[in-house]
Each structure stands twice: as structure tokens, then as C-alpha cells.
């Protein structure tokens, strides 16, 4: 899994991870109104969610869960 951690305590529910993830990995937890990692196997380790998170509650590993297609 490329996304190692999403700290719910630290998360401010800003929604940036939802809008920036190119693979649509996150979903909204209806109770907490915060993101959850729903489709971790789709993560391509682009680090966008980690880089743009204003409270740094997301940690992404260096390995990709999903391989990108080879360029032509």
C-alpha cells in the first residue's frame, strides 16, 4: 500500500486530498466528515495528497500500489 497513514486526529477535514488525488483513493467518512483511505490499491504514490495537506496528516510510502502504464 502506497499510503502509509492518514491521521484522523490531526486531519482538519479541509478536503484538499479529495480534490487533488488523481486516482480517487479517498472517500468521506459520513460520521466524522473526514477522509478515509477507501481505495488504497489504486494509489500510484504521486505524493500530491501528502505534499498539499496543510496539517501534514498523510504519509505516502515510496512504493506504488498500482503500476502506471508504460509510455508508448
Protein backbone atom coordinates (compact mmCIF):
# COMPACT_ATOMS: atom_id res chain seq x y z
CA UNK A 1 0.00 0.00 0.00
CA UNK A 2 1.43 3.36 -1.01
CA UNK A 3 -0.47 5.43 1.55
CA UNK A 4 1.01 4.52 4.92
CA UNK A 5 -1.04 6.72 7.19
CA UNK A 6 -3.90 9.19 7.44
CA UNK A 7 -4.01 10.62 10.97
CA UNK A 8 -7.69 11.26 11.69
CA UNK A 9 -6.87 13.18 14.89
CA UNK A 10 -4.69 15.66 13.03
CA UNK A 11 -6.92 15.95 9.93
CA UNK A 12 -8.77 19.27 9.64
CA UNK A 13 -11.26 17.97 7.03
CA UNK A 14 -10.17 20.61 4.50
CA UNK A 15 -10.93 18.35 1.51
CA UNK A 16 -7.71 19.02 -0.39
CA UNK A 17 -6.85 15.31 -0.58
CA UNK A 18 -10.23 14.60 -2.23
CA UNK A 19 -9.74 17.22 -4.90
CA UNK A 20 -6.05 16.60 -5.61
CA UNK A 21 -5.91 12.78 -5.76
CA UNK A 22 -5.67 11.71 -9.42
CA UNK A 23 -6.78 8.15 -8.57
CA UNK A 24 -9.81 8.97 -6.38
CA UNK A 25 -8.40 6.99 -3.42
CA UNK A 26 -10.25 8.88 -0.67
CA UNK A 27 -13.87 8.78 0.44
CA UNK A 28 -15.74 10.79 3.06
CA UNK A 29 -16.49 9.18 6.41
CA UNK A 30 -20.12 10.18 6.99
CA UNK A 31 -19.75 10.28 10.78
CA UNK A 32 -16.54 12.26 11.15
CA UNK A 33 -16.86 14.20 7.85
CA UNK A 34 -13.16 13.44 7.30
CA UNK A 35 -11.45 11.48 4.53
CA UNK A 36 -10.74 7.77 4.75
CA UNK A 37 -8.48 5.72 2.51
CA UNK A 38 -11.06 3.66 0.64
CA UNK A 39 -9.16 2.52 -2.45
CA UNK A 40 -5.55 2.19 -1.30
CA UNK A 41 -4.75 -0.31 -4.04
CA UNK A 42 -5.39 2.44 -6.62
CA UNK A 43 -2.73 4.74 -5.15
CA UNK A 44 0.13 5.48 -7.56
CA UNK A 45 2.31 7.23 -4.94
CA UNK A 46 2.25 10.62 -6.64
CA UNK A 47 2.59 12.26 -3.19
CA UNK A 48 0.11 15.01 -4.05
CA UNK A 49 -2.07 14.37 -1.01
CA UNK A 50 0.95 14.39 1.31
CA UNK A 51 2.54 17.46 -0.28
CA UNK A 52 -0.60 19.61 -0.28
CA UNK A 53 -2.06 18.58 3.10
CA UNK A 54 -1.92 21.75 5.23
CA UNK A 55 -1.69 19.82 8.53
CA UNK A 56 0.61 17.02 7.24
CA UNK A 57 -1.65 14.18 8.37
CA UNK A 58 -0.99 11.94 5.34
CA UNK A 59 2.14 9.82 4.81
CA UNK A 60 2.84 8.10 1.49
CA UNK A 61 5.48 5.40 1.02
CA UNK A 62 7.78 5.26 -1.98
CA UNK A 63 6.27 2.14 -3.49
CA UNK A 64 3.29 2.24 -5.82
CA UNK A 65 0.32 0.01 -5.16
CA UNK A 66 -0.85 0.39 -8.74
CA UNK A 67 1.56 0.39 -11.64
CA UNK A 68 1.30 3.13 -14.24
CA UNK A 69 1.08 2.08 -17.89
CA UNK A 70 4.31 2.13 -19.85
CA UNK A 71 4.75 5.12 -22.18
CA UNK A 72 4.49 4.46 -25.91
